[in-house]
Amino acid sequence: MAKMCQSCMMPLSKDPLQGGSEADGSRSLSFCSMCYEGGEFRQKDMTAEQMQTFVAGKLIEGGLPKFLAKFFTRGIPKLERWRNV
């Protein structure tokens, strides 16, 4: 099981639903509920760069300094969702 969402890097342990859902209703072991529902990505047209900006913004809203938010999101393009895009 992935320890973090393979789309946004959120730790799956922080996801209130403990993961997204597959088309058959089972829990996704790779993606969080904010990114993945019913076997599909919620933000279908989002790019890895847009996800980095979105997540960094959420981290900054949560009180993280901007430079740390950028640092923590630098790995997003290497995640499973974005590798073959």
PDB file of N, CA and C in Angstrom:
ATOM      1  N   MET A   1       0.844  -1.195   0.000  1.00  0.00           N
ATOM      2  CA  MET A   1       0.000   0.000   0.000  1.00  0.00           C
ATOM      3  C   MET A   1       0.877   1.242   0.000  1.00  0.00           C
ATOM      4  N   ALA A   2       0.516   2.214  -0.812  1.00  0.00           N
ATOM      5  CA  ALA A   2       1.247   3.480  -0.843  1.00  0.00           C
ATOM      6  C   ALA A   2       1.015   4.223   0.459  1.00  0.00           C
ATOM      7  N   LYS A   3       2.023   4.898   0.933  1.00  0.00           N
ATOM      8  CA  LYS A   3       1.873   5.666   2.157  1.00  0.00           C
ATOM      9  C   LYS A   3       1.374   7.074   1.878  1.00  0.00           C
ATOM     10  N   MET A   4       1.481   7.489   0.609  1.00  0.00           N
ATOM     11  CA  MET A   4       0.988   8.807   0.228  1.00  0.00           C
ATOM     12  C   MET A   4       0.249   8.713  -1.094  1.00  0.00           C
ATOM     13  N   CYS A   5      -0.650   9.648  -1.285  1.00  0.00           N
ATOM     14  CA  CYS A   5      -1.412   9.701  -2.528  1.00  0.00           C
ATOM     15  C   CYS A   5      -0.444   9.847  -3.696  1.00  0.00           C
ATOM     16  N   GLN A   6      -0.639   9.022  -4.712  1.00  0.00           N
ATOM     17  CA  GLN A   6       0.219   9.039  -5.884  1.00  0.00           C
ATOM     18  C   GLN A   6      -0.238  10.078  -6.912  1.00  0.00           C
ATOM     19  N   SER A   7      -1.019  11.058  -6.445  1.00  0.00           N
ATOM     20  CA  SER A   7      -1.433  12.184  -7.273  1.00  0.00           C
ATOM     21  C   SER A   7      -1.019  13.506  -6.628  1.00  0.00           C
ATOM     22  N   CYS A   8      -1.233  13.634  -5.296  1.00  0.00           N
ATOM     23  CA  CYS A   8      -0.993  14.920  -4.623  1.00  0.00           C
ATOM     24  C   CYS A   8       0.018  14.852  -3.470  1.00  0.00           C
ATOM     25  N   MET A   9       0.474  13.670  -3.112  1.00  0.00           N
ATOM     26  CA  MET A   9       1.444  13.447  -2.041  1.00  0.00           C
ATOM     27  C   MET A   9       0.865  13.541  -0.632  1.00  0.00           C
ATOM     28  N   MET A  10      -0.447  13.667  -0.484  1.00  0.00           N
ATOM     29  CA  MET A  10      -1.012  13.714   0.864  1.00  0.00           C
ATOM     30  C   MET A  10      -0.823  12.349   1.521  1.00  0.00           C
ATOM     31  N   PRO A  11      -0.358  12.322   2.765  1.00  0.00           N
ATOM     32  CA  PRO A  11      -0.282  11.033   3.454  1.00  0.00           C
ATOM     33  C   PRO A  11      -1.673  10.420   3.547  1.00  0.00           C
ATOM     34  N   LEU A  12      -1.808   9.160   3.126  1.00  0.00           N
ATOM     35  CA  LEU A  12      -3.120   8.511   3.153  1.00  0.00           C
ATOM     36  C   LEU A  12      -3.648   8.400   4.577  1.00  0.00           C
ATOM     37  N   SER A  13      -2.761   8.412   5.561  1.00  0.00           N
ATOM     38  CA  SER A  13      -3.207   8.374   6.956  1.00  0.00           C
ATOM     39  C   SER A  13      -3.923   9.661   7.360  1.00  0.00           C
ATOM     40  N   LYS A  14      -3.714  10.744   6.615  1.00  0.00           N
ATOM     41  CA  LYS A  14      -4.383  12.029   6.895  1.00  0.00           C
ATOM     42  C   LYS A  14      -5.710  12.162   6.152  1.00  0.00           C
ATOM     43  N   ASP A  15      -5.977  11.259   5.229  1.00  0.00           N
ATOM     44  CA  ASP A  15      -7.221  11.288   4.460  1.00  0.00           C
ATOM     45  C   ASP A  15      -8.360  10.819   5.371  1.00  0.00           C
ATOM     46  N   PRO A  16      -9.400  11.630   5.536  1.00  0.00           N
ATOM     47  CA  PRO A  16     -10.513  11.222   6.398  1.00  0.00           C
ATOM     48  C   PRO A  16     -11.150   9.897   5.986  1.00  0.00           C
ATOM     49  N   LEU A  17     -11.102   9.560   4.691  1.00  0.00           N
ATOM     50  CA  LEU A  17     -11.679   8.310   4.202  1.00  0.00           C
ATOM     51  C   LEU A  17     -10.625   7.217   4.030  1.00  0.00           C
ATOM     52  N   GLN A  18      -9.373   7.537   4.353  1.00  0.00           N
ATOM     53  CA  GLN A  18      -8.253   6.590   4.245  1.00  0.00           C
ATOM     54  C   GLN A  18      -7.996   6.105   2.822  1.00  0.00           C
ATOM     55  N   GLY A  19      -8.390   6.891   1.841  1.00  0.00           N
ATOM     56  CA  GLY A  19      -8.133   6.564   0.436  1.00  0.00           C
ATOM     57  C   GLY A  19      -9.347   6.829  -0.424  1.00  0.00           C
ATOM     58  N   GLY A  20      -9.109   6.969  -1.708  1.00  0.00           N
ATOM     59  CA  GLY A  20     -10.198   7.168  -2.660  1.00  0.00           C
ATOM     60  C   GLY A  20     -10.934   5.865  -2.915  1.00  0.00           C
ATOM     61  N   SER A  21     -11.837   5.881  -3.885  1.00  0.00           N
ATOM     62  CA  SER A  21     -12.621   4.677  -4.178  1.00  0.00           C
ATOM     63  C   SER A  21     -12.442   4.257  -5.630  1.00  0.00           C
ATOM     64  N   GLU A  22     -12.420   2.951  -5.819  1.00  0.00           N
ATOM     65  CA  GLU A  22     -12.339   2.379  -7.165  1.00  0.00           C
ATOM     66  C   GLU A  22     -13.756   2.301  -7.753  1.00  0.00           C
ATOM     67  N   ALA A  23     -13.863   1.963  -9.032  1.00  0.00           N
ATOM     68  CA  ALA A  23     -15.160   1.886  -9.713  1.00  0.00           C
ATOM     69  C   ALA A  23     -16.094   0.881  -9.043  1.00  0.00           C
ATOM     70  N   ASP A  24     -15.534  -0.184  -8.465  1.00  0.00           N
ATOM     71  CA  ASP A  24     -16.362  -1.202  -7.814  1.00  0.00           C
ATOM     72  C   ASP A  24     -16.691  -0.870  -6.357  1.00  0.00           C
ATOM     73  N   GLY A  25     -16.265   0.328  -5.909  1.00  0.00           N
ATOM     74  CA  GLY A  25     -16.553   0.753  -4.538  1.00  0.00           C
ATOM     75  C   GLY A  25     -15.470   0.407  -3.538  1.00  0.00           C
ATOM     76  N   SER A  26     -14.495  -0.392  -3.939  1.00  0.00           N
ATOM     77  CA  SER A  26     -13.406  -0.736  -3.020  1.00  0.00           C
ATOM     78  C   SER A  26     -12.494   0.473  -2.817  1.00  0.00           C
ATOM     79  N   ARG A  27     -11.728   0.440  -1.760  1.00  0.00           N
ATOM     80  CA  ARG A  27     -10.839   1.545  -1.425  1.00  0.00           C
ATOM     81  C   ARG A  27      -9.589   1.510  -2.303  1.00  0.00           C
ATOM     82  N   SER A  28      -9.197   2.669  -2.793  1.00  0.00           N
ATOM     83  CA  SER A  28      -7.958   2.786  -3.559  1.00  0.00           C
ATOM     84  C   SER A  28      -6.787   2.756  -2.586  1.00  0.00           C
ATOM     85  N   LEU A  29      -5.782   1.999  -2.919  1.00  0.00           N
ATOM     86  CA  LEU A  29      -4.593   1.922  -2.077  1.00  0.00           C
ATOM     87  C   LEU A  29      -3.512   2.887  -2.547  1.00  0.00           C
ATOM     88  N   SER A  30      -3.791   3.620  -3.645  1.00  0.00           N
ATOM     89  CA  SER A  30      -2.792   4.510  -4.219  1.00  0.00           C
ATOM     90  C   SER A  30      -3.168   5.987  -4.203  1.00  0.00           C
ATOM     91  N   PHE A  31      -4.461   6.283  -4.142  1.00  0.00           N
ATOM     92  CA  PHE A  31      -4.907   7.672  -4.282  1.00  0.00           C
ATOM     93  C   PHE A  31      -5.848   8.081  -3.161  1.00  0.00           C
ATOM     94  N   CYS A  32      -5.785   9.348  -2.752  1.00  0.00           N
ATOM     95  CA  CYS A  32      -6.642   9.852  -1.680  1.00  0.00           C
ATOM     96  C   CYS A  32      -8.048  10.161  -2.190  1.00  0.00           C
ATOM     97  N   SER A  33      -8.955  10.358  -1.263  1.00  0.00           N
ATOM     98  CA  SER A  33     -10.346  10.628  -1.625  1.00  0.00           C
ATOM     99  C   SER A  33     -10.530  12.019  -2.228  1.00  0.00           C
ATOM    100  N   MET A  34      -9.570  12.921  -2.017  1.00  0.00           N
ATOM    101  CA  MET A  34      -9.662  14.248  -2.611  1.00  0.00           C
ATOM    102  C   MET A  34      -9.335  14.210  -4.107  1.00  0.00           C
ATOM    103  N   CYS A  35      -8.525  13.227  -4.514  1.00  0.00           N
ATOM    104  CA  CYS A  35      -8.081  13.119  -5.905  1.00  0.00           C
ATOM    105  C   CYS A  35      -8.832  12.072  -6.721  1.00  0.00           C
ATOM    106  N   TYR A  36      -9.361  11.042  -6.065  1.00  0.00           N
ATOM    107  CA  TYR A  36      -9.835   9.862  -6.789  1.00  0.00           C
ATOM    108  C   TYR A  36     -11.132   9.343  -6.204  1.00  0.00           C
ATOM    109  N   GLU A  37     -12.141   9.210  -7.067  1.00  0.00           N
ATOM    110  CA  GLU A  37     -13.450   8.748  -6.608  1.00  0.00           C
ATOM    111  C   GLU A  37     -14.106   7.931  -7.722  1.00  0.00           C
ATOM    112  N   GLY A  38     -14.641   6.785  -7.370  1.00  0.00           N
ATOM    113  CA  GLY A  38     -15.341   5.949  -8.348  1.00  0.00           C
ATOM    114  C   GLY A  38     -14.456   5.470  -9.491  1.00  0.00           C
ATOM    115  N   GLY A  39     -13.156   5.329  -9.227  1.00  0.00           N
ATOM    116  CA  GLY A  39     -12.235   4.849 -10.255  1.00  0.00           C
ATOM    117  C   GLY A  39     -11.758   5.914 -11.222  1.00  0.00           C
ATOM    118  N   GLU A  40     -12.052   7.186 -10.912  1.00  0.00           N
ATOM    119  CA  GLU A  40     -11.641   8.282 -11.794  1.00  0.00           C
ATOM    120  C   GLU A  40     -11.034   9.416 -10.980  1.00  0.00           C
ATOM    121  N   PHE A  41     -10.136  10.160 -11.624  1.00  0.00           N
ATOM    122  CA  PHE A  41      -9.573  11.340 -10.973  1.00  0.00           C
ATOM    123  C   PHE A  41     -10.593  12.461 -10.971  1.00  0.00           C
ATOM    124  N   ARG A  42     -10.693  13.141  -9.864  1.00  0.00           N
ATOM    125  CA  ARG A  42     -11.649  14.254  -9.755  1.00  0.00           C
ATOM    126  C   ARG A  42     -11.239  15.422 -10.642  1.00  0.00           C
ATOM    127  N   GLN A  43      -9.954  15.708 -10.708  1.00  0.00           N
ATOM    128  CA  GLN A  43      -9.443  16.817 -11.532  1.00  0.00           C
ATOM    129  C   GLN A  43      -8.823  16.218 -12.788  1.00  0.00           C
ATOM    130  N   LYS A  44      -9.666  15.763 -13.696  1.00  0.00           N
ATOM    131  CA  LYS A  44      -9.207  15.016 -14.871  1.00  0.00           C
ATOM    132  C   LYS A  44      -8.233  15.790 -15.764  1.00  0.00           C
ATOM    133  N   ASP A  45      -8.432  17.074 -15.905  1.00  0.00           N
ATOM    134  CA  ASP A  45      -7.615  17.866 -16.832  1.00  0.00           C
ATOM    135  C   ASP A  45      -6.437  18.559 -16.168  1.00  0.00           C
ATOM    136  N   MET A  46      -6.212  18.305 -14.896  1.00  0.00           N
ATOM    137  CA  MET A  46      -5.124  18.964 -14.172  1.00  0.00           C
ATOM    138  C   MET A  46      -3.781  18.369 -14.595  1.00  0.00           C
ATOM    139  N   THR A  47      -2.775  19.243 -14.712  1.00  0.00           N
ATOM    140  CA  THR A  47      -1.411  18.786 -15.004  1.00  0.00           C
ATOM    141  C   THR A  47      -0.652  18.631 -13.687  1.00  0.00           C
ATOM    142  N   ALA A  48       0.503  17.990 -13.753  1.00  0.00           N
ATOM    143  CA  ALA A  48       1.338  17.834 -12.557  1.00  0.00           C
ATOM    144  C   ALA A  48       1.739  19.201 -12.008  1.00  0.00           C
ATOM    145  N   GLU A  49       2.043  20.133 -12.898  1.00  0.00           N
ATOM    146  CA  GLU A  49       2.441  21.472 -12.463  1.00  0.00           C
ATOM    147  C   GLU A  49       1.280  22.196 -11.773  1.00  0.00           C
ATOM    148  N   GLN A  50       0.077  22.024 -12.305  1.00  0.00           N
ATOM    149  CA  GLN A  50      -1.097  22.631 -11.673  1.00  0.00           C
ATOM    150  C   GLN A  50      -1.354  21.997 -10.304  1.00  0.00           C
ATOM    151  N   MET A  51      -1.127  20.696 -10.183  1.00  0.00           N
ATOM    152  CA  MET A  51      -1.287  20.025  -8.897  1.00  0.00           C
ATOM    153  C   MET A  51      -0.260  20.565  -7.899  1.00  0.00           C
ATOM    154  N   GLN A  52       0.971  20.781  -8.345  1.00  0.00           N
ATOM    155  CA  GLN A  52       1.996  21.337  -7.462  1.00  0.00           C
ATOM    156  C   GLN A  52       1.553  22.705  -6.936  1.00  0.00           C
ATOM    157  N   THR A  53       1.053  23.545  -7.821  1.00  0.00           N
ATOM    158  CA  THR A  53       0.604  24.885  -7.423  1.00  0.00           C
ATOM    159  C   THR A  53      -0.570  24.794  -6.451  1.00  0.00           C
ATOM    160  N   PHE A  54      -1.515  23.914  -6.738  1.00  0.00           N
ATOM    161  CA  PHE A  54      -2.693  23.741  -5.886  1.00  0.00           C
ATOM    162  C   PHE A  54      -2.285  23.265  -4.488  1.00  0.00           C
ATOM    163  N   VAL A  55      -1.464  22.228  -4.426  1.00  0.00           N
ATOM    164  CA  VAL A  55      -1.055  21.669  -3.141  1.00  0.00           C
ATOM    165  C   VAL A  55      -0.206  22.678  -2.361  1.00  0.00           C
ATOM    166  N   ALA A  56       0.705  23.367  -3.038  1.00  0.00           N
ATOM    167  CA  ALA A  56       1.520  24.382  -2.366  1.00  0.00           C
ATOM    168  C   ALA A  56       0.619  25.458  -1.760  1.00  0.00           C
ATOM    169  N   GLY A  57      -0.406  25.858  -2.504  1.00  0.00           N
ATOM    170  CA  GLY A  57      -1.353  26.857  -1.992  1.00  0.00           C
ATOM    171  C   GLY A  57      -2.060  26.375  -0.734  1.00  0.00           C
ATOM    172  N   LYS A  58      -2.460  25.114  -0.721  1.00  0.00           N
ATOM    173  CA  LYS A  58      -3.124  24.548   0.457  1.00  0.00           C
ATOM    174  C   LYS A  58      -2.166  24.487   1.646  1.00  0.00           C
ATOM    175  N   LEU A  59      -0.916  24.134   1.392  1.00  0.00           N
ATOM    176  CA  LEU A  59       0.074  24.084   2.468  1.00  0.00           C
ATOM    177  C   LEU A  59       0.335  25.481   3.040  1.00  0.00           C
ATOM    178  N   ILE A  60       0.400  26.468   2.162  1.00  0.00           N
ATOM    179  CA  ILE A  60       0.609  27.856   2.603  1.00  0.00           C
ATOM    180  C   ILE A  60      -0.599  28.334   3.407  1.00  0.00           C
ATOM    181  N   GLU A  61      -1.808  28.006   2.933  1.00  0.00           N
ATOM    182  CA  GLU A  61      -3.030  28.333   3.693  1.00  0.00           C
ATOM    183  C   GLU A  61      -2.980  27.729   5.092  1.00  0.00           C
ATOM    184  N   GLY A  62      -2.386  26.559   5.203  1.00  0.00           N
ATOM    185  CA  GLY A  62      -2.271  25.870   6.482  1.00  0.00           C
ATOM    186  C   GLY A  62      -1.163  26.404   7.370  1.00  0.00           C
ATOM    187  N   GLY A  63      -0.426  27.409   6.886  1.00  0.00           N
ATOM    188  CA  GLY A  63       0.592  28.051   7.711  1.00  0.00           C
ATOM    189  C   GLY A  63       2.028  27.686   7.384  1.00  0.00           C
ATOM    190  N   LEU A  64       2.242  26.863   6.369  1.00  0.00           N
ATOM    191  CA  LEU A  64       3.607  26.491   6.003  1.00  0.00           C
ATOM    192  C   LEU A  64       4.240  27.631   5.213  1.00  0.00           C
ATOM    193  N   PRO A  65       5.484  27.972   5.490  1.00  0.00           N
ATOM    194  CA  PRO A  65       6.152  29.012   4.691  1.00  0.00           C
ATOM    195  C   PRO A  65       6.213  28.611   3.216  1.00  0.00           C
ATOM    196  N   LYS A  66       6.172  29.610   2.346  1.00  0.00           N
ATOM    197  CA  LYS A  66       6.116  29.375   0.898  1.00  0.00           C
ATOM    198  C   LYS A  66       7.277  28.507   0.414  1.00  0.00           C
ATOM    199  N   PHE A  67       8.494  28.768   0.891  1.00  0.00           N
ATOM    200  CA  PHE A  67       9.644  28.005   0.412  1.00  0.00           C
ATOM    201  C   PHE A  67       9.534  26.530   0.796  1.00  0.00           C
ATOM    202  N   LEU A  68       8.959  26.232   1.963  1.00  0.00           N
ATOM    203  CA  LEU A  68       8.768  24.836   2.361  1.00  0.00           C
ATOM    204  C   LEU A  68       7.658  24.179   1.546  1.00  0.00           C
ATOM    205  N   ALA A  69       6.603  24.937   1.252  1.00  0.00           N
ATOM    206  CA  ALA A  69       5.512  24.408   0.435  1.00  0.00           C
ATOM    207  C   ALA A  69       6.042  24.014  -0.944  1.00  0.00           C
ATOM    208  N   LYS A  70       6.876  24.845  -1.528  1.00  0.00           N
ATOM    209  CA  LYS A  70       7.471  24.538  -2.835  1.00  0.00           C
ATOM    210  C   LYS A  70       8.378  23.312  -2.727  1.00  0.00           C
ATOM    211  N   PHE A  71       9.148  23.237  -1.640  1.00  0.00           N
ATOM    212  CA  PHE A  71      10.051  22.107  -1.410  1.00  0.00           C
ATOM    213  C   PHE A  71       9.274  20.799  -1.295  1.00  0.00           C
ATOM    214  N   PHE A  72       8.194  20.804  -0.519  1.00  0.00           N
ATOM    215  CA  PHE A  72       7.430  19.586  -0.278  1.00  0.00           C
ATOM    216  C   PHE A  72       6.641  19.111  -1.496  1.00  0.00           C
ATOM    217  N   THR A  73       6.409  19.984  -2.459  1.00  0.00           N
ATOM    218  CA  THR A  73       5.631  19.582  -3.638  1.00  0.00           C
ATOM    219  C   THR A  73       6.503  19.261  -4.852  1.00  0.00           C
ATOM    220  N   ARG A  74       7.790  19.367  -4.725  1.00  0.00           N
ATOM    221  CA  ARG A  74       8.678  19.168  -5.873  1.00  0.00           C
ATOM    222  C   ARG A  74       8.626  17.752  -6.441  1.00  0.00           C
ATOM    223  N   GLY A  75       8.236  16.772  -5.648  1.00  0.00           N
ATOM    224  CA  GLY A  75       8.197  15.386  -6.112  1.00  0.00           C
ATOM    225  C   GLY A  75       6.912  14.979  -6.821  1.00  0.00           C
ATOM    226  N   ILE A  76       5.925  15.851  -6.861  1.00  0.00           N
ATOM    227  CA  ILE A  76       4.634  15.492  -7.462  1.00  0.00           C
ATOM    228  C   ILE A  76       4.762  14.962  -8.894  1.00  0.00           C
ATOM    229  N   PRO A  77       5.552  15.585  -9.777  1.00  0.00           N
ATOM    230  CA  PRO A  77       5.639  15.065 -11.154  1.00  0.00           C
ATOM    231  C   PRO A  77       6.195  13.641 -11.257  1.00  0.00           C
ATOM    232  N   LYS A  78       6.825  13.139 -10.212  1.00  0.00           N
ATOM    233  CA  LYS A  78       7.400  11.793 -10.233  1.00  0.00           C
ATOM    234  C   LYS A  78       6.430  10.727  -9.714  1.00  0.00           C
ATOM    235  N   LEU A  79       5.255  11.143  -9.251  1.00  0.00           N
ATOM    236  CA  LEU A  79       4.282  10.200  -8.707  1.00  0.00           C
ATOM    237  C   LEU A  79       3.631   9.372  -9.814  1.00  0.00           C
ATOM    238  N   GLU A  80       3.046   8.247  -9.417  1.00  0.00           N
ATOM    239  CA  GLU A  80       2.436   7.284 -10.349  1.00  0.00           C
ATOM    240  C   GLU A  80       1.481   7.939 -11.352  1.00  0.00           C
ATOM    241  N   ARG A  81       0.614   8.833 -10.870  1.00  0.00           N
ATOM    242  CA  ARG A  81      -0.381   9.450 -11.766  1.00  0.00           C
ATOM    243  C   ARG A  81       0.285  10.221 -12.904  1.00  0.00           C
ATOM    244  N   TRP A  82       1.393  10.850 -12.656  1.00  0.00           N
ATOM    245  CA  TRP A  82       1.985  11.782 -13.610  1.00  0.00           C
ATOM    246  C   TRP A  82       3.112  11.179 -14.443  1.00  0.00           C
ATOM    247  N   ARG A  83       3.593  10.012 -14.112  1.00  0.00           N
ATOM    248  CA  ARG A  83       4.755   9.413 -14.786  1.00  0.00           C
ATOM    249  C   ARG A  83       4.552   9.199 -16.276  1.00  0.00           C
ATOM    250  N   ASN A  84       3.384   8.762 -16.677  1.00  0.00           N
ATOM    251  CA  ASN A  84       3.159   8.414 -18.095  1.00  0.00           C
ATOM    252  C   ASN A  84       2.305   9.423 -18.822  1.00  0.00           C
ATOM    253  N   VAL A  85       2.191  10.608 -18.261  1.00  0.00           N
ATOM    254  CA  VAL A  85       1.338  11.638 -18.873  1.00  0.00           C
ATOM    255  C   VAL A  85       2.137  12.429 -19.877  1.00  0.00           C
TER     256      VAL A  85
END
